[in-house]
Amino acid sequence: MENGFKTFAEVISFAVMREEESHKYYKHLAEKATDPFLQTLFSDFAKDELRHKQVLLDLETGALEKMLNEILEKRDDLGMASNMKIAAPDPNMTFVDSLSLAMKREDKAFELYSLLAEISEDDDISVLFLGLAKEEKQHFIKIEKTYKSLYDE
């Protein structure tokens, strides 16, 4: 399979890993920020990412496997491979670069959850992924506004 995922459980595992990475990343940004508003903003994002991880872990794997098999019978390529590449954060990044990377990460998370919602034939699971996508988009917008207020001329 070209998208790199053989089972839906692998997709969920990948999403869980991404939520863990995002949690660590926002925790790091909160520690790096000197402004109390930004410290709170990124601390809240870190907590949200842990909550997203738990939502994903609570999904029933058997139902997800069945759903993926049905999806794969109808679509050969889910397009996930092109959406998964994100540069690893560098501990020596400037704060502006960190914000840029955070925006990219949130945008990719939004794309992933939107795709999962779109390809899901189970309405409940689709709604769950739409909710996660919405939260990631809200993070993106907040980071974008912060970036623009600090660095946009």
N, C-alpha and C. Protein backbone atom coordinates (compact mmCIF):
# COMPACT_ATOMS: atom_id res chain seq x y z
N MET A 1 0.85 -1.18 0.00
CA MET A 1 0.00 0.00 0.00
C MET A 1 0.89 1.23 0.00
N GLU A 2 0.60 2.17 -0.89
CA GLU A 2 1.46 3.33 -1.07
C GLU A 2 1.45 4.31 0.09
N ASN A 3 0.37 4.39 0.83
CA ASN A 3 0.29 5.40 1.88
C ASN A 3 1.11 5.07 3.12
N GLY A 4 1.67 3.85 3.16
CA GLY A 4 2.54 3.49 4.27
C GLY A 4 1.83 2.88 5.46
N PHE A 5 0.51 2.89 5.48
CA PHE A 5 -0.25 2.31 6.58
C PHE A 5 -0.94 1.05 6.08
N LYS A 6 -0.81 -0.04 6.84
CA LYS A 6 -1.45 -1.29 6.46
C LYS A 6 -2.76 -1.51 7.21
N THR A 7 -2.85 -0.91 8.39
CA THR A 7 -4.07 -1.08 9.19
C THR A 7 -4.50 0.27 9.76
N PHE A 8 -5.75 0.33 10.12
CA PHE A 8 -6.25 1.55 10.73
C PHE A 8 -5.61 1.75 12.09
N ALA A 9 -5.29 0.64 12.75
CA ALA A 9 -4.60 0.75 14.04
C ALA A 9 -3.27 1.47 13.88
N GLU A 10 -2.59 1.25 12.73
CA GLU A 10 -1.33 1.96 12.47
C GLU A 10 -1.59 3.46 12.31
N VAL A 11 -2.69 3.82 11.68
CA VAL A 11 -3.05 5.23 11.53
C VAL A 11 -3.28 5.85 12.90
N ILE A 12 -4.03 5.15 13.74
CA ILE A 12 -4.32 5.64 15.09
C ILE A 12 -3.03 5.71 15.91
N SER A 13 -2.19 4.70 15.78
CA SER A 13 -0.91 4.70 16.48
C SER A 13 -0.07 5.90 16.06
N PHE A 14 -0.05 6.18 14.76
CA PHE A 14 0.67 7.34 14.26
C PHE A 14 0.08 8.63 14.85
N ALA A 15 -1.25 8.73 14.87
CA ALA A 15 -1.90 9.93 15.41
C ALA A 15 -1.59 10.09 16.90
N VAL A 16 -1.57 8.99 17.63
CA VAL A 16 -1.23 9.03 19.06
C VAL A 16 0.20 9.53 19.24
N MET A 17 1.11 9.01 18.40
CA MET A 17 2.50 9.45 18.47
C MET A 17 2.60 10.94 18.19
N ARG A 18 1.85 11.42 17.20
CA ARG A 18 1.87 12.84 16.86
C ARG A 18 1.32 13.69 18.00
N GLU A 19 0.30 13.20 18.68
CA GLU A 19 -0.25 13.93 19.82
C GLU A 19 0.78 14.00 20.95
N GLU A 20 1.51 12.91 21.18
CA GLU A 20 2.56 12.91 22.20
C GLU A 20 3.65 13.92 21.85
N GLU A 21 4.07 13.91 20.57
CA GLU A 21 5.09 14.85 20.13
C GLU A 21 4.61 16.29 20.29
N SER A 22 3.35 16.53 19.93
CA SER A 22 2.80 17.88 20.04
C SER A 22 2.74 18.31 21.50
N HIS A 23 2.38 17.38 22.38
CA HIS A 23 2.35 17.70 23.81
C HIS A 23 3.73 18.17 24.27
N LYS A 24 4.75 17.40 23.92
CA LYS A 24 6.12 17.75 24.32
C LYS A 24 6.54 19.08 23.70
N TYR A 25 6.17 19.29 22.46
CA TYR A 25 6.55 20.50 21.75
C TYR A 25 5.92 21.73 22.41
N TYR A 26 4.62 21.66 22.72
CA TYR A 26 3.96 22.81 23.34
C TYR A 26 4.43 23.02 24.77
N LYS A 27 4.76 21.96 25.45
CA LYS A 27 5.33 22.09 26.79
C LYS A 27 6.66 22.84 26.70
N HIS A 28 7.47 22.49 25.70
CA HIS A 28 8.75 23.17 25.47
C HIS A 28 8.53 24.65 25.14
N LEU A 29 7.57 24.93 24.26
CA LEU A 29 7.28 26.33 23.91
C LEU A 29 6.82 27.12 25.13
N ALA A 30 6.01 26.49 25.97
CA ALA A 30 5.54 27.17 27.18
C ALA A 30 6.72 27.52 28.09
N GLU A 31 7.67 26.60 28.20
CA GLU A 31 8.85 26.84 29.02
C GLU A 31 9.76 27.90 28.41
N LYS A 32 9.79 27.96 27.08
CA LYS A 32 10.65 28.89 26.37
C LYS A 32 10.06 30.31 26.32
N ALA A 33 8.74 30.41 26.36
CA ALA A 33 8.07 31.71 26.27
C ALA A 33 8.33 32.53 27.52
N THR A 34 8.54 33.82 27.33
CA THR A 34 8.73 34.72 28.47
C THR A 34 7.45 35.46 28.81
N ASP A 35 6.54 35.54 27.87
CA ASP A 35 5.28 36.24 28.07
C ASP A 35 4.29 35.30 28.79
N PRO A 36 3.65 35.75 29.89
CA PRO A 36 2.72 34.89 30.64
C PRO A 36 1.53 34.41 29.78
N PHE A 37 1.05 35.25 28.86
CA PHE A 37 -0.05 34.84 27.98
C PHE A 37 0.38 33.65 27.12
N LEU A 38 1.57 33.73 26.54
CA LEU A 38 2.07 32.65 25.69
C LEU A 38 2.35 31.40 26.50
N GLN A 39 2.86 31.57 27.73
CA GLN A 39 3.10 30.41 28.58
C GLN A 39 1.79 29.66 28.82
N THR A 40 0.73 30.41 29.14
CA THR A 40 -0.58 29.80 29.38
C THR A 40 -1.14 29.18 28.11
N LEU A 41 -1.04 29.90 26.99
CA LEU A 41 -1.55 29.41 25.71
C LEU A 41 -0.92 28.07 25.36
N PHE A 42 0.41 28.00 25.41
CA PHE A 42 1.09 26.76 25.03
C PHE A 42 0.91 25.67 26.06
N SER A 43 0.79 26.01 27.34
CA SER A 43 0.49 25.00 28.36
C SER A 43 -0.89 24.40 28.12
N ASP A 44 -1.84 25.24 27.75
CA ASP A 44 -3.19 24.75 27.43
C ASP A 44 -3.17 23.84 26.20
N PHE A 45 -2.40 24.22 25.19
CA PHE A 45 -2.27 23.38 24.00
C PHE A 45 -1.68 22.02 24.38
N ALA A 46 -0.68 22.03 25.24
CA ALA A 46 -0.05 20.77 25.67
C ALA A 46 -1.08 19.86 26.33
N LYS A 47 -1.92 20.44 27.20
CA LYS A 47 -2.98 19.65 27.85
C LYS A 47 -3.98 19.13 26.83
N ASP A 48 -4.34 19.96 25.84
CA ASP A 48 -5.27 19.53 24.79
C ASP A 48 -4.71 18.33 24.03
N GLU A 49 -3.42 18.36 23.73
CA GLU A 49 -2.81 17.28 22.97
C GLU A 49 -2.85 15.97 23.76
N LEU A 50 -2.66 16.03 25.07
CA LEU A 50 -2.78 14.82 25.90
C LEU A 50 -4.21 14.29 25.88
N ARG A 51 -5.17 15.21 25.90
CA ARG A 51 -6.58 14.81 25.84
C ARG A 51 -6.89 14.15 24.49
N HIS A 52 -6.36 14.72 23.40
CA HIS A 52 -6.55 14.13 22.07
C HIS A 52 -5.98 12.70 22.04
N LYS A 53 -4.80 12.54 22.63
CA LYS A 53 -4.17 11.23 22.68
C LYS A 53 -5.08 10.21 23.37
N GLN A 54 -5.66 10.62 24.48
CA GLN A 54 -6.53 9.69 25.23
C GLN A 54 -7.77 9.35 24.42
N VAL A 55 -8.34 10.31 23.72
CA VAL A 55 -9.51 10.04 22.87
C VAL A 55 -9.16 8.98 21.83
N LEU A 56 -7.99 9.12 21.22
CA LEU A 56 -7.56 8.14 20.21
C LEU A 56 -7.33 6.77 20.83
N LEU A 57 -6.74 6.73 22.02
CA LEU A 57 -6.47 5.46 22.68
C LEU A 57 -7.75 4.75 23.10
N ASP A 58 -8.81 5.50 23.32
CA ASP A 58 -10.08 4.92 23.75
C ASP A 58 -10.90 4.33 22.60
N LEU A 59 -10.48 4.56 21.36
CA LEU A 59 -11.21 4.01 20.22
C LEU A 59 -11.07 2.49 20.20
N GLU A 60 -12.12 1.81 19.79
CA GLU A 60 -12.10 0.36 19.72
C GLU A 60 -11.36 -0.09 18.45
N THR A 61 -10.27 -0.80 18.63
CA THR A 61 -9.41 -1.19 17.51
C THR A 61 -10.12 -2.09 16.51
N GLY A 62 -10.89 -3.04 16.97
CA GLY A 62 -11.57 -3.96 16.05
C GLY A 62 -12.48 -3.25 15.08
N ALA A 63 -13.25 -2.30 15.57
CA ALA A 63 -14.15 -1.54 14.71
C ALA A 63 -13.35 -0.69 13.72
N LEU A 64 -12.23 -0.17 14.17
CA LEU A 64 -11.39 0.65 13.31
C LEU A 64 -10.76 -0.19 12.20
N GLU A 65 -10.34 -1.41 12.53
CA GLU A 65 -9.76 -2.30 11.53
C GLU A 65 -10.79 -2.61 10.44
N LYS A 66 -12.00 -2.90 10.84
CA LYS A 66 -13.07 -3.19 9.88
C LYS A 66 -13.32 -1.99 8.98
N MET A 67 -13.35 -0.82 9.60
CA MET A 67 -13.60 0.40 8.83
C MET A 67 -12.49 0.63 7.81
N LEU A 68 -11.23 0.43 8.20
CA LEU A 68 -10.13 0.63 7.26
C LEU A 68 -10.23 -0.34 6.09
N ASN A 69 -10.55 -1.59 6.38
CA ASN A 69 -10.67 -2.57 5.30
C ASN A 69 -11.73 -2.15 4.30
N GLU A 70 -12.85 -1.64 4.80
CA GLU A 70 -13.90 -1.15 3.91
C GLU A 70 -13.43 0.05 3.10
N ILE A 71 -12.70 0.94 3.73
CA ILE A 71 -12.19 2.13 3.04
C ILE A 71 -11.20 1.73 1.95
N LEU A 72 -10.30 0.81 2.29
CA LEU A 72 -9.26 0.42 1.34
C LEU A 72 -9.84 -0.31 0.13
N GLU A 73 -10.96 -1.00 0.31
CA GLU A 73 -11.60 -1.64 -0.82
C GLU A 73 -12.12 -0.60 -1.81
N LYS A 74 -12.45 0.59 -1.33
CA LYS A 74 -13.04 1.62 -2.18
C LYS A 74 -12.02 2.63 -2.69
N ARG A 75 -10.90 2.79 -2.00
CA ARG A 75 -9.88 3.76 -2.38
C ARG A 75 -8.52 3.13 -2.29
N ASP A 76 -7.73 3.27 -3.32
CA ASP A 76 -6.39 2.70 -3.31
C ASP A 76 -5.42 3.55 -2.53
N ASP A 77 -5.57 4.87 -2.63
CA ASP A 77 -4.60 5.77 -2.04
C ASP A 77 -5.31 6.76 -1.13
N LEU A 78 -4.97 6.74 0.14
CA LEU A 78 -5.57 7.67 1.09
C LEU A 78 -4.86 9.02 1.07
N GLY A 79 -3.73 9.11 0.40
CA GLY A 79 -2.99 10.36 0.30
C GLY A 79 -2.27 10.75 1.58
N MET A 80 -2.12 9.83 2.50
CA MET A 80 -1.52 10.18 3.78
C MET A 80 -0.02 10.38 3.70
N ALA A 81 0.66 9.64 2.85
CA ALA A 81 2.12 9.71 2.81
C ALA A 81 2.60 11.13 2.57
N SER A 82 1.96 11.84 1.67
CA SER A 82 2.41 13.21 1.36
C SER A 82 2.06 14.19 2.47
N ASN A 83 1.17 13.82 3.36
CA ASN A 83 0.75 14.73 4.43
C ASN A 83 1.50 14.53 5.74
N MET A 84 2.40 13.57 5.82
CA MET A 84 2.97 13.21 7.10
C MET A 84 4.36 13.77 7.37
N LYS A 85 4.98 14.43 6.43
CA LYS A 85 6.36 14.89 6.64
C LYS A 85 6.40 16.24 7.33
N ILE A 86 6.99 16.24 8.51
CA ILE A 86 7.18 17.46 9.28
C ILE A 86 8.60 17.43 9.83
N ALA A 87 9.30 18.52 9.68
CA ALA A 87 10.68 18.59 10.16
C ALA A 87 10.72 18.45 11.68
N ALA A 88 11.74 17.78 12.14
CA ALA A 88 11.91 17.62 13.58
C ALA A 88 12.32 18.95 14.20
N PRO A 89 11.77 19.26 15.36
CA PRO A 89 12.16 20.52 16.01
C PRO A 89 13.61 20.50 16.45
N ASP A 90 14.22 21.64 16.38
CA ASP A 90 15.62 21.81 16.79
C ASP A 90 15.62 22.56 18.11
N PRO A 91 16.30 22.04 19.13
CA PRO A 91 16.31 22.72 20.43
C PRO A 91 16.87 24.15 20.36
N ASN A 92 17.64 24.45 19.33
CA ASN A 92 18.22 25.78 19.20
C ASN A 92 17.42 26.71 18.30
N MET A 93 16.21 26.30 17.94
CA MET A 93 15.36 27.13 17.08
C MET A 93 15.05 28.46 17.76
N THR A 94 14.89 29.48 16.94
CA THR A 94 14.42 30.75 17.48
C THR A 94 12.94 30.60 17.81
N PHE A 95 12.42 31.52 18.61
CA PHE A 95 11.01 31.45 18.98
C PHE A 95 10.13 31.62 17.74
N VAL A 96 10.51 32.50 16.82
CA VAL A 96 9.72 32.71 15.61
C VAL A 96 9.69 31.43 14.77
N ASP A 97 10.82 30.72 14.67
CA ASP A 97 10.84 29.45 13.94
C ASP A 97 10.00 28.40 14.65
N SER A 98 10.01 28.44 15.97
CA SER A 98 9.19 27.51 16.75
C SER A 98 7.71 27.74 16.49
N LEU A 99 7.31 28.99 16.42
CA LEU A 99 5.91 29.30 16.11
C LEU A 99 5.55 28.84 14.71
N SER A 100 6.45 29.05 13.76
CA SER A 100 6.20 28.62 12.38
C SER A 100 6.02 27.10 12.32
N LEU A 101 6.90 26.38 13.01
CA LEU A 101 6.79 24.93 13.04
C LEU A 101 5.49 24.50 13.72
N ALA A 102 5.12 25.18 14.77
CA ALA A 102 3.87 24.86 15.47
C ALA A 102 2.68 25.04 14.53
N MET A 103 2.68 26.10 13.74
CA MET A 103 1.59 26.30 12.77
C MET A 103 1.56 25.15 11.77
N LYS A 104 2.72 24.75 11.27
CA LYS A 104 2.77 23.65 10.30
C LYS A 104 2.26 22.35 10.92
N ARG A 105 2.67 22.10 12.16
CA ARG A 105 2.24 20.88 12.84
C ARG A 105 0.72 20.85 13.01
N GLU A 106 0.16 21.96 13.42
CA GLU A 106 -1.29 22.02 13.62
C GLU A 106 -2.03 21.87 12.30
N ASP A 107 -1.48 22.47 11.24
CA ASP A 107 -2.10 22.34 9.93
C ASP A 107 -2.09 20.89 9.46
N LYS A 108 -0.99 20.20 9.67
CA LYS A 108 -0.90 18.78 9.29
C LYS A 108 -1.83 17.92 10.14
N ALA A 109 -1.95 18.22 11.42
CA ALA A 109 -2.88 17.48 12.28
C ALA A 109 -4.31 17.70 11.81
N PHE A 110 -4.64 18.94 11.46
CA PHE A 110 -5.97 19.25 10.92
C PHE A 110 -6.24 18.43 9.66
N GLU A 111 -5.25 18.39 8.76
CA GLU A 111 -5.41 17.63 7.51
C GLU A 111 -5.62 16.14 7.80
N LEU A 112 -4.85 15.58 8.73
CA LEU A 112 -4.97 14.17 9.07
C LEU A 112 -6.36 13.86 9.60
N TYR A 113 -6.82 14.62 10.60
CA TYR A 113 -8.11 14.34 11.19
C TYR A 113 -9.26 14.62 10.22
N SER A 114 -9.10 15.61 9.37
CA SER A 114 -10.13 15.89 8.35
C SER A 114 -10.24 14.72 7.37
N LEU A 115 -9.08 14.18 6.97
CA LEU A 115 -9.08 13.04 6.06
C LEU A 115 -9.71 11.82 6.73
N LEU A 116 -9.36 11.57 7.97
CA LEU A 116 -9.94 10.43 8.69
C LEU A 116 -11.45 10.59 8.83
N ALA A 117 -11.91 11.81 9.06
CA ALA A 117 -13.34 12.05 9.15
C ALA A 117 -14.01 11.81 7.80
N GLU A 118 -13.37 12.25 6.76
CA GLU A 118 -13.92 12.12 5.41
C GLU A 118 -14.04 10.66 4.97
N ILE A 119 -13.03 9.86 5.26
CA ILE A 119 -13.02 8.48 4.79
C ILE A 119 -13.77 7.52 5.70
N SER A 120 -14.14 7.98 6.88
CA SER A 120 -14.86 7.13 7.82
C SER A 120 -16.31 6.97 7.38
N GLU A 121 -16.76 5.73 7.38
CA GLU A 121 -18.17 5.47 7.08
C GLU A 121 -19.00 5.38 8.35
N ASP A 122 -18.35 5.36 9.49
CA ASP A 122 -19.02 5.33 10.78
C ASP A 122 -19.24 6.77 11.22
N ASP A 123 -20.49 7.18 11.33
CA ASP A 123 -20.81 8.57 11.63
C ASP A 123 -20.23 9.03 12.97
N ASP A 124 -20.27 8.16 13.98
CA ASP A 124 -19.75 8.54 15.29
C ASP A 124 -18.24 8.80 15.24
N ILE A 125 -17.53 7.92 14.56
CA ILE A 125 -16.07 8.09 14.45
C ILE A 125 -15.76 9.31 13.59
N SER A 126 -16.53 9.51 12.54
CA SER A 126 -16.33 10.67 11.68
C SER A 126 -16.51 11.96 12.47
N VAL A 127 -17.53 12.01 13.30
CA VAL A 127 -17.78 13.20 14.13
C VAL A 127 -16.63 13.41 15.11
N LEU A 128 -16.11 12.31 15.67
CA LEU A 128 -14.98 12.41 16.59
C LEU A 128 -13.78 13.04 15.89
N PHE A 129 -13.47 12.56 14.67
CA PHE A 129 -12.33 13.11 13.94
C PHE A 129 -12.57 14.56 13.53
N LEU A 130 -13.81 14.89 13.18
CA LEU A 130 -14.12 16.29 12.86
C LEU A 130 -13.90 17.18 14.07
N GLY A 131 -14.26 16.68 15.25
CA GLY A 131 -14.03 17.45 16.47
C GLY A 131 -12.55 17.67 16.73
N LEU A 132 -11.75 16.62 16.54
CA LEU A 132 -10.30 16.76 16.70
C LEU A 132 -9.73 17.72 15.66
N ALA A 133 -10.22 17.62 14.42
CA ALA A 133 -9.75 18.53 13.36
C ALA A 133 -10.07 19.98 13.73
N LYS A 134 -11.26 20.20 14.25
CA LYS A 134 -11.66 21.55 14.63
C LYS A 134 -10.74 22.11 15.72
N GLU A 135 -10.42 21.29 16.70
CA GLU A 135 -9.54 21.75 17.77
C GLU A 135 -8.14 22.07 17.24
N GLU A 136 -7.64 21.24 16.33
CA GLU A 136 -6.32 21.52 15.75
C GLU A 136 -6.35 22.80 14.93
N LYS A 137 -7.43 23.05 14.23
CA LYS A 137 -7.56 24.29 13.45
C LYS A 137 -7.62 25.49 14.39
N GLN A 138 -8.29 25.35 15.52
CA GLN A 138 -8.34 26.44 16.50
C GLN A 138 -6.94 26.73 17.04
N HIS A 139 -6.15 25.69 17.28
CA HIS A 139 -4.77 25.89 17.71
C HIS A 139 -4.00 26.65 16.63
N PHE A 140 -4.16 26.22 15.38
CA PHE A 140 -3.48 26.89 14.27
C PHE A 140 -3.82 28.38 14.24
N ILE A 141 -5.09 28.69 14.36
CA ILE A 141 -5.53 30.10 14.29
C ILE A 141 -4.94 30.90 15.44
N LYS A 142 -4.93 30.34 16.64
CA LYS A 142 -4.35 31.05 17.78
C LYS A 142 -2.86 31.29 17.58
N ILE A 143 -2.16 30.28 17.08
CA ILE A 143 -0.72 30.44 16.85
C ILE A 143 -0.49 31.46 15.75
N GLU A 144 -1.28 31.38 14.70
CA GLU A 144 -1.15 32.33 13.59
C GLU A 144 -1.37 33.77 14.06
N LYS A 145 -2.40 33.97 14.88
CA LYS A 145 -2.66 35.32 15.42
C LYS A 145 -1.50 35.78 16.29
N THR A 146 -0.98 34.88 17.11
CA THR A 146 0.16 35.22 17.96
C THR A 146 1.36 35.59 17.10
N TYR A 147 1.62 34.80 16.08
CA TYR A 147 2.74 35.06 15.18
C TYR A 147 2.58 36.42 14.52
N LYS A 148 1.40 36.69 14.00
CA LYS A 148 1.16 37.96 13.32
C LYS A 148 1.28 39.15 14.27
N SER A 149 0.80 38.97 15.50
CA SER A 149 0.88 40.09 16.44
C SER A 149 2.32 40.36 16.87
N LEU A 150 3.16 39.32 16.90
CA LEU A 150 4.54 39.50 17.33
C LEU A 150 5.49 39.85 16.19
N TYR A 151 5.25 39.30 15.00
CA TYR A 151 6.27 39.40 13.95
C TYR A 151 5.79 39.99 12.62
N ASP A 152 4.49 40.12 12.42
CA ASP A 152 4.01 40.64 11.15
C ASP A 152 4.07 42.16 11.17
N GLU A 153 4.64 42.69 10.11
CA GLU A 153 4.82 44.16 10.07
C GLU A 153 3.71 44.82 9.29
